[in-house]
Protein backbone atom coordinates (compact mmCIF):
# COMPACT_ATOMS: atom_id res chain seq x y z
CA MET A 1 0.00 0.00 0.00
CA LYS A 2 2.86 2.37 0.87
CA THR A 3 4.42 1.79 -2.54
CA TYR A 4 1.29 2.64 -4.47
CA LYS A 5 0.64 5.75 -2.41
CA ILE A 6 4.10 7.02 -3.39
CA TYR A 7 3.45 6.06 -7.01
CA ILE A 8 0.10 7.83 -7.21
CA THR A 9 1.37 10.96 -5.43
CA LEU A 10 4.42 11.43 -7.64
CA LEU A 11 2.52 10.58 -10.79
CA PHE A 12 -0.05 13.22 -9.85
CA ILE A 13 2.73 15.79 -9.36
CA PHE A 14 4.13 14.97 -12.79
CA PHE A 15 0.89 15.38 -14.70
CA LEU A 16 -0.07 18.43 -12.65
CA SER A 17 3.08 20.11 -13.93
CA LEU A 18 1.95 19.37 -17.48
CA SER A 19 -1.54 20.79 -17.07
CA ILE A 20 -0.51 24.26 -15.88
CA GLN A 21 -2.25 26.99 -17.88
CA ALA A 22 0.16 28.41 -20.43
CA GLN A 23 0.75 32.10 -19.76
CA SER A 24 2.83 32.74 -22.88
CA GLU A 25 3.85 31.00 -26.05
CA ILE A 26 7.07 29.70 -24.52
CA ASP A 27 5.05 28.08 -21.69
CA SER A 28 3.01 26.13 -24.23
CA TYR A 29 6.25 24.90 -25.82
CA LEU A 30 7.47 23.79 -22.38
CA ILE A 31 4.31 21.75 -21.85
CA THR A 32 4.61 20.22 -25.33
CA GLY A 33 8.23 19.31 -24.64
CA ALA A 34 7.34 17.75 -21.27
CA LYS A 35 4.68 15.61 -22.93
CA ASN A 36 6.61 14.62 -26.04
CA ASN A 37 10.36 14.56 -25.35
CA PRO A 38 11.50 10.91 -25.53
CA GLY A 39 14.52 11.45 -23.29
CA LEU A 40 12.26 12.79 -20.55
CA LYS A 41 9.88 9.85 -20.99
CA ALA A 42 12.85 7.50 -20.61
CA LYS A 43 13.80 9.10 -17.28
CA PHE A 44 10.22 8.81 -16.02
CA ASN A 45 10.06 5.14 -16.99
CA GLU A 46 13.34 4.55 -15.17
CA TYR A 47 11.72 6.03 -12.07
CA LEU A 48 8.66 3.78 -12.48
CA ALA A 49 10.96 0.78 -12.86
CA ALA A 50 12.78 1.73 -9.63
CA LEU A 51 9.44 2.07 -7.88
CA GLU A 52 8.53 -1.50 -8.81
CA LYS A 53 11.50 -2.74 -6.78
CA VAL A 54 9.73 -1.78 -3.54
CA PRO A 55 7.22 -4.67 -3.53
CA GLN A 56 9.95 -7.05 -4.74
CA VAL A 57 12.31 -6.48 -1.82
CA GLY A 58 9.43 -6.32 0.68
CA ALA A 59 8.10 -9.77 -0.16
CA LEU A 60 8.84 -12.89 1.86
CA PRO A 61 11.18 -15.49 0.35
CA ASP A 62 9.39 -18.13 -1.73
CA PRO A 63 8.22 -21.16 0.30
CA THR A 64 10.24 -24.35 -0.16
CA MET A 65 8.75 -27.77 -0.79
CA ALA A 66 10.56 -31.14 -0.58
CA PHE A 67 9.42 -34.66 -1.48
CA GLY A 68 11.04 -37.79 -0.09
CA TYR A 69 10.46 -41.44 -1.00
CA PHE A 70 11.47 -44.25 1.38
CA ILE A 71 13.39 -46.87 -0.61
CA GLN A 72 13.32 -49.03 2.48
CA PRO A 73 10.02 -48.22 4.19
CA VAL A 74 10.18 -47.55 7.90
CA GLU A 75 7.61 -49.54 9.82
CA THR A 76 5.29 -47.74 12.21
CA ARG A 77 2.46 -49.04 14.37
CA VAL A 78 -0.14 -48.24 11.68
CA GLY A 79 1.96 -49.20 8.65
CA ALA A 80 5.15 -48.59 6.69
CA GLN A 81 6.23 -45.02 5.82
CA GLN A 82 6.22 -44.73 2.01
CA ALA A 83 6.83 -41.04 1.20
CA LYS A 84 7.00 -37.63 2.81
CA ILE A 85 6.24 -34.03 1.70
CA SER A 86 7.70 -31.05 3.57
CA VAL A 87 6.63 -27.39 3.13
CA ALA A 88 8.50 -24.56 4.88
CA GLN A 89 8.43 -20.75 4.90
CA MET A 90 11.44 -18.67 5.87
CA PHE A 91 10.89 -15.44 7.86
CA PRO A 92 13.65 -12.80 8.08
CA TRP A 93 14.41 -11.04 11.34
CA PHE A 94 11.76 -8.58 12.48
CA GLY A 95 11.77 -5.34 10.46
CA THR A 96 14.17 -6.60 7.77
CA LEU A 97 11.61 -6.43 4.96
CA ASN A 98 10.42 -2.98 5.97
CA ALA A 99 14.02 -1.74 6.02
CA LYS A 100 14.59 -3.15 2.52
CA GLU A 101 11.43 -1.39 1.34
CA ASP A 102 12.77 1.87 2.78
CA VAL A 103 16.03 1.43 0.85
CA ALA A 104 14.18 0.81 -2.42
CA THR A 105 11.77 3.69 -1.77
CA GLU A 106 14.59 6.19 -1.21
CA MET A 107 16.36 5.00 -4.35
CA ALA A 108 13.10 5.42 -6.30
CA LYS A 109 12.83 8.97 -4.95
CA ALA A 110 16.40 9.57 -6.11
CA LYS A 111 15.42 8.34 -9.57
CA PHE A 112 12.45 10.71 -9.54
CA GLN A 113 14.82 13.61 -8.87
CA LEU A 114 16.86 12.54 -11.89
CA PHE A 115 13.65 12.76 -13.90
CA GLU A 116 12.96 16.22 -12.45
CA GLU A 117 16.53 17.24 -13.26
CA ALA A 118 16.05 16.08 -16.86
CA LYS A 119 12.79 18.04 -17.05
CA SER A 120 14.40 21.23 -15.69
CA LYS A 121 17.31 20.83 -18.13
CA LEU A 122 14.89 20.27 -21.00
CA PHE A 123 12.96 23.41 -20.05
CA TYR A 124 16.19 25.40 -20.00
CA ASP A 125 17.25 23.99 -23.38
CA ILE A 126 13.86 24.86 -24.89
CA LYS A 127 13.98 28.39 -23.51
CA SER A 128 17.58 29.12 -24.47
CA THR A 129 17.05 27.74 -27.98
CA TRP A 130 13.88 29.83 -28.35
CA TYR A 131 15.78 32.96 -27.28
CA ASN A 132 18.50 32.15 -29.81
CA LEU A 133 15.79 31.76 -32.42
CA TYR A 134 14.47 35.18 -31.46
CA PHE A 135 17.89 36.79 -31.83
CA THR A 136 18.59 35.15 -35.19
CA SER A 137 15.13 36.10 -36.45
CA ARG A 138 15.59 39.70 -35.36
CA ALA A 139 19.09 39.77 -36.89
CA ILE A 140 17.57 38.69 -40.20
CA ALA A 141 14.92 41.43 -39.99
CA ILE A 142 17.53 44.05 -39.06
CA ALA A 143 19.80 42.97 -41.93
CA ARG A 144 16.94 43.26 -44.41
CA ASP A 145 16.00 46.70 -43.08
CA ASN A 146 19.60 47.83 -43.44
CA ILE A 147 19.78 46.55 -47.01
CA GLU A 148 16.71 48.65 -47.83
CA ILE A 149 18.26 51.71 -46.17
CA LEU A 150 21.48 51.16 -48.10
CA HIS A 151 19.52 50.97 -51.36
CA THR A 152 18.03 54.35 -50.43
CA PHE A 153 21.54 55.71 -49.85
CA GLN A 154 22.57 54.23 -53.20
CA LYS A 155 19.82 56.13 -54.99
CA LEU A 156 20.80 59.31 -53.14
CA ALA A 157 24.44 58.79 -54.13
CA LEU A 158 23.47 58.36 -57.80
CA VAL A 159 21.55 61.63 -57.69
CA LYS A 160 24.57 63.41 -56.24
CA ILE A 161 26.88 61.78 -58.77
CA GLU A 162 24.68 62.90 -61.65
CA SER A 163 24.62 66.46 -60.28
CA GLY A 164 28.41 66.43 -59.99
CA LYS A 165 28.39 66.87 -56.21
CA ALA A 166 29.72 63.41 -55.36
CA SER A 167 32.20 60.85 -56.62
CA ALA A 168 31.19 57.57 -58.32
CA VAL A 169 33.09 55.87 -55.53
CA ASP A 170 30.18 56.63 -53.19
CA GLU A 171 27.87 54.37 -55.16
CA LEU A 172 30.50 51.60 -55.24
CA ARG A 173 30.95 51.85 -51.47
CA VAL A 174 27.23 51.36 -50.98
CA GLU A 175 27.28 48.37 -53.30
CA MET A 176 30.09 46.79 -51.29
CA GLU A 177 28.19 47.31 -48.04
CA ILE A 178 25.06 45.73 -49.54
CA LEU A 179 26.99 42.67 -50.70
CA ASP A 180 28.52 42.20 -47.24
CA ILE A 181 25.17 42.40 -45.48
CA GLU A 182 23.49 40.13 -48.04
CA ASN A 183 26.17 37.52 -47.36
CA GLN A 184 25.56 37.86 -43.60
CA LEU A 185 21.83 37.56 -44.26
CA LEU A 186 22.26 34.22 -46.05
CA GLN A 187 24.37 32.91 -43.18
CA LEU A 188 21.70 33.98 -40.69
CA ILE A 189 18.97 32.24 -42.70
CA ASP A 190 20.97 28.98 -42.64
CA LYS A 191 21.58 29.40 -38.91
CA LEU A 192 17.87 29.98 -38.29
CA GLN A 193 16.98 26.71 -40.04
CA ILE A 194 19.45 24.76 -37.89
CA GLN A 195 18.02 26.32 -34.72
CA LYS A 196 14.44 25.56 -35.81
CA VAL A 197 15.23 21.88 -36.29
CA ALA A 198 16.97 21.72 -32.90
CA PHE A 199 14.02 23.44 -31.19
CA ASN A 200 11.42 21.16 -32.77
CA ASN A 201 13.50 18.14 -31.84
CA PHE A 202 13.48 19.25 -28.18
CA ILE A 203 9.68 19.28 -28.17
CA ASN A 204 9.56 16.24 -30.49
CA VAL A 205 7.34 17.65 -33.25
CA GLY A 206 7.84 17.88 -37.00
CA ALA A 207 11.19 19.44 -37.93
CA SER A 208 9.46 21.85 -40.32
CA ASP A 209 6.65 22.90 -37.94
CA ASP A 210 6.20 26.66 -37.60
CA ILE A 211 7.56 28.32 -34.47
CA TYR A 212 6.09 31.49 -33.04
CA ILE A 213 8.76 34.16 -32.56
CA PRO A 214 7.77 37.58 -31.16
CA ASP A 215 8.80 40.85 -32.79
CA VAL A 216 10.12 42.13 -29.46
CA LEU A 217 11.20 39.92 -26.60
CA GLU A 218 9.33 40.67 -23.40
CA SER A 219 11.50 42.30 -20.76
CA VAL A 220 11.81 40.19 -17.62
CA ASP A 221 13.71 40.45 -14.38
CA LEU A 222 14.76 38.17 -11.56
CA THR A 223 12.19 38.16 -8.77
CA PHE A 224 14.57 36.64 -6.18
CA ASP A 225 17.51 38.16 -4.38
CA ARG A 226 20.90 36.45 -4.12
CA ALA A 227 20.26 34.88 -0.69
CA ALA A 228 16.92 33.40 -1.80
CA ILE A 229 18.48 31.96 -4.96
CA LEU A 230 21.34 30.32 -3.05
CA ASP A 231 18.88 28.86 -0.52
CA SER A 232 16.78 27.47 -3.36
CA ILE A 233 19.85 25.89 -4.96
CA LYS A 234 20.69 24.13 -1.68
CA LEU A 235 17.13 23.00 -0.98
CA ASN A 236 15.50 22.49 -4.39
CA ASN A 237 18.17 21.72 -6.97
CA HIS A 238 17.33 18.25 -8.28
CA GLN A 239 20.94 17.07 -8.43
CA VAL A 240 21.31 17.92 -4.74
CA LEU A 241 17.98 16.28 -3.87
CA ASN A 242 19.02 13.16 -5.77
CA LEU A 243 22.10 12.88 -3.56
CA GLU A 244 20.04 13.49 -0.41
CA PHE A 245 17.74 10.56 -1.22
CA GLN A 246 20.75 8.38 -2.02
CA GLU A 247 22.22 9.32 1.35
CA ALA A 248 18.95 8.33 3.04
CA SER A 249 18.92 5.01 1.19
CA TYR A 250 22.42 4.18 2.49
CA GLU A 251 21.27 5.04 6.00
CA TYR A 252 18.48 2.48 5.66
CA GLN A 253 21.01 0.08 4.11
CA GLN A 254 22.86 0.13 7.42
CA VAL A 255 19.68 -0.99 9.14
CA VAL A 256 19.24 -3.80 6.59
CA ALA A 257 22.84 -4.98 7.06
CA LYS A 258 22.45 -5.10 10.85
CA LYS A 259 19.17 -7.03 10.64
CA MET A 260 20.65 -9.49 8.14
CA GLY A 261 23.12 -10.38 10.88
CA LYS A 262 20.22 -11.59 13.02
CA PRO A 263 18.78 -15.13 12.90
CA ASN A 264 16.13 -16.11 10.34
CA PHE A 265 13.25 -18.39 11.26
CA SER A 266 11.40 -21.02 9.27
CA VAL A 267 8.05 -22.67 9.98
CA GLY A 268 6.66 -25.64 8.09
CA ILE A 269 4.80 -28.95 8.12
CA ASP A 270 5.68 -32.52 7.21
CA TYR A 271 3.09 -34.84 5.72
CA THR A 272 3.97 -38.57 5.70
CA PHE A 273 2.22 -41.18 3.56
CA ILE A 274 1.67 -44.50 5.41
CA GLY A 275 1.04 -47.83 3.68
CA GLU A 276 -1.41 -50.53 4.81
CA SER A 277 -0.31 -52.45 7.92
CA SER A 278 -0.37 -56.26 8.24
CA ASN A 279 -1.13 -55.89 11.96
CA THR A 280 -4.61 -57.40 12.55
CA MET A 281 -4.80 -55.99 16.03
CA LEU A 282 -5.31 -52.39 14.84
CA ALA A 283 -8.65 -50.73 15.29
CA PRO A 284 -10.70 -50.09 12.14
CA GLY A 285 -9.37 -47.08 10.18
CA GLU A 286 -5.96 -47.02 11.83
CA SER A 287 -4.19 -49.20 9.27
CA GLY A 288 -2.47 -47.02 6.62
CA ARG A 289 -3.51 -43.74 8.27
CA ASP A 290 -1.27 -40.87 7.04
CA ALA A 291 0.63 -38.85 9.60
CA ILE A 292 0.86 -35.04 9.80
CA MET A 293 3.58 -33.65 11.98
CA PHE A 294 3.19 -29.96 12.83
CA PRO A 295 4.99 -27.69 13.36
CA VAL A 296 8.48 -27.95 11.98
CA VAL A 297 10.47 -24.93 13.22
CA GLY A 298 13.95 -24.01 11.99
CA ILE A 299 16.44 -21.23 12.61
CA SER A 300 19.45 -20.03 10.61
CA ILE A 301 22.28 -18.69 12.75
CA PRO A 302 24.61 -16.15 11.09
CA LEU A 303 27.90 -17.38 12.48
CA TYR A 304 30.20 -15.59 10.03
CA ARG A 305 29.93 -12.08 11.47
CA LYS A 306 32.68 -10.52 9.38
CA LYS A 307 30.45 -10.47 6.32
CA TYR A 308 27.69 -8.52 8.05
CA THR A 309 30.12 -6.14 9.72
CA SER A 310 31.58 -5.34 6.30
CA MET A 311 28.09 -4.70 4.90
CA VAL A 312 27.42 -2.16 7.65
CA LYS A 313 30.76 -0.44 7.06
CA GLU A 314 30.12 -0.35 3.32
CA ALA A 315 26.80 1.43 3.88
CA VAL A 316 28.44 3.92 6.27
CA PHE A 317 31.23 4.73 3.81
CA MET A 318 28.75 5.15 0.95
CA GLN A 319 26.64 7.46 3.11
CA GLU A 320 29.68 9.59 3.93
CA ALA A 321 30.78 9.61 0.29
CA THR A 322 27.32 10.75 -0.83
CA LEU A 323 27.27 13.47 1.83
CA ASN A 324 30.66 14.74 0.64
CA GLU A 325 29.49 14.59 -2.95
CA LYS A 326 26.41 16.65 -2.03
CA VAL A 327 28.54 19.34 -0.34
CA ASP A 328 30.83 19.44 -3.38
CA LYS A 329 27.84 19.67 -5.72
CA ILE A 330 26.41 22.62 -3.77
CA ASN A 331 29.80 24.40 -3.91
CA VAL A 332 30.03 23.83 -7.68
CA LEU A 333 26.46 25.02 -8.23
CA GLU A 334 27.09 28.17 -6.20
CA SER A 335 30.13 28.94 -8.37
CA ILE A 336 28.09 28.35 -11.51
CA TYR A 337 25.39 30.65 -10.15
CA GLU A 338 27.89 33.46 -9.62
CA LYS A 339 28.91 33.21 -13.29
CA ALA A 340 25.24 33.12 -14.40
CA ASN A 341 24.44 36.13 -12.20
CA ALA A 342 27.38 38.03 -13.71
CA ASP A 343 26.00 37.23 -17.19
CA TYR A 344 22.58 38.45 -16.06
CA GLN A 345 23.94 41.74 -14.71
CA ASP A 346 26.06 42.24 -17.83
CA ALA A 347 23.03 41.67 -20.08
CA LYS A 348 21.10 44.34 -18.17
CA ARG A 349 23.99 46.79 -18.64
CA GLN A 350 24.28 45.91 -22.32
CA ILE A 351 20.58 46.60 -22.88
CA ASN A 352 20.89 50.06 -21.32
CA LEU A 353 24.13 50.78 -23.18
CA HIS A 354 22.99 49.75 -26.66
CA ASN A 355 19.59 51.42 -26.24
CA LYS A 356 21.39 54.73 -25.68
CA GLN A 357 24.05 54.09 -28.31
CA LEU A 358 21.45 53.10 -30.88
CA GLY A 359 19.49 56.31 -30.27
CA LEU A 360 22.63 58.42 -30.66
CA ALA A 361 23.72 56.54 -33.79
CA LYS A 362 20.33 56.99 -35.46
CA LYS A 363 20.33 60.70 -34.60
CA SER A 364 23.85 61.09 -35.99
CA LEU A 365 22.89 59.22 -39.14
CA ARG A 366 19.96 61.56 -39.79
CA ILE A 367 22.25 64.58 -39.43
CA LEU A 368 24.89 63.12 -41.75
CA GLU A 369 22.24 62.16 -44.31
CA SER A 370 20.85 65.70 -44.26
CA GLU A 371 24.33 67.18 -44.72
CA TYR A 372 25.09 64.82 -47.60
CA ALA A 373 21.84 65.72 -49.34
CA THR A 374 22.92 69.37 -49.12
CA ASP A 375 26.60 69.36 -50.08
CA GLY A 376 27.42 65.74 -51.04
CA LYS A 377 30.18 65.37 -48.44
CA ASN A 378 31.06 62.76 -45.81
CA PHE A 379 29.38 59.83 -47.56
CA GLU A 380 31.94 57.46 -46.08
CA GLU A 381 30.97 58.74 -42.63
CA ILE A 382 27.32 57.95 -43.42
CA LEU A 383 28.22 54.34 -44.18
CA ARG A 384 30.34 54.13 -41.05
CA MET A 385 27.44 55.43 -38.95
CA GLU A 386 25.05 53.03 -40.67
CA ARG A 387 27.32 50.16 -39.64
CA LYS A 388 27.11 51.47 -36.05
CA VAL A 389 23.32 51.50 -36.24
CA LEU A 390 23.41 47.90 -37.48
CA MET A 391 25.88 46.84 -34.78
CA HIS A 392 23.99 48.43 -31.89
CA SER A 393 20.67 47.05 -33.16
CA LEU A 394 22.10 43.55 -33.21
CA GLU A 395 23.83 43.94 -29.84
CA LEU A 396 20.60 45.21 -28.27
CA GLU A 397 18.64 42.18 -29.45
CA LYS A 398 21.45 39.85 -28.38
CA ALA A 399 21.48 41.42 -24.91
CA ARG A 400 17.71 40.89 -24.63
CA ALA A 401 18.09 37.23 -25.56
CA ASP A 402 21.06 36.82 -23.20
CA LEU A 403 19.13 38.39 -20.32
CA ASN A 404 16.25 35.94 -20.70
CA ALA A 405 18.62 33.00 -21.17
CA SER A 406 20.58 33.86 -18.01
CA ILE A 407 17.34 34.06 -16.00
CA ALA A 408 16.24 30.70 -17.42
CA PHE A 409 19.57 29.17 -16.41
CA ILE A 410 19.34 30.57 -12.87
CA HIS A 411 15.82 29.10 -12.59
CA TYR A 412 17.24 25.78 -13.73
CA LEU A 413 19.85 25.93 -10.97
CA MET A 414 17.06 26.67 -8.49
CA GLY A 415 15.24 23.49 -9.52
CA LYS A 416 12.37 25.27 -11.24
């Protein structure tokens, strides 16, 4: 009963996480990935398989049955013994089976945390890939916009060339810029296709299925301070929880090892088949009457104590090793968090920086364009400023994607 309660509870938690109302498009992709991803399904089935070990280790040993035939029958008062059947059931020391169930249960919980870890990692992969898709998509749109702007500059340069106010080199410079950006555009289109296939593979849908990508990525921020994040890493990170359940299983393994060093008991019956007796003095019905001897009680005495002592020590060492591994894992995760937090802070700064720089570059470009339309000078400076507009536009979108990706990674570390 205990096993199935655990099974039902954890299964309910799993499907509850899938049925959460999607609050944005990315949330719906997360739910699709949780339902469809084959790697995640494999982890969940591994957990279910581990859960099935609980009733196995908690069951009594199989009864034993023996049959014996008397080659030389042994005479009794009511007749000769012809054959005998013995049935016996072995019973471990009190509490041994419950302790074994506890070991298997804790290991199943550890497996469930590996499933949760795989789910959190999948969610991070889906989010980060989607943010990369956003950046590549925006880079394509920005490149196309810049090509159109450069074509406008090309027409303006031709007008100035025809009026004798500019050199033919201006038009050639524009053509060179257009060719460079068109080449970058083709590379971005190829990159976008690769990212689309990777994203659809994460959620296990058709490789060519359409993916919704917003025009502007929603601005988000961390809602937890540093202390809360570090506490969540220690308490909720699934790799840490996996080690905690392993540690608990080794603690129960000590109990099992100690109880295995206690005696085991067996209880059974013997049934003996008796042949007809030649004794005429027997009362009616006594001749050939079978004999049942009950009970037959046995005990196994664990004399070789070294084996059981070693089993206890093994469990203790494994528990200590798992504890040390957990402490090391927390230290590593805290270091990783510091790097992720630095990336998050840098992305926020980059958004502010490139927003300002982009505004200044666009303003400068309008001034230079106006001056060129008047006197036909500084065309090279126009192209240089246009490249700055392109660069800051791309860097702004990259910073937005990086900000969201760093938050997603911090949530992953927190076990969300």
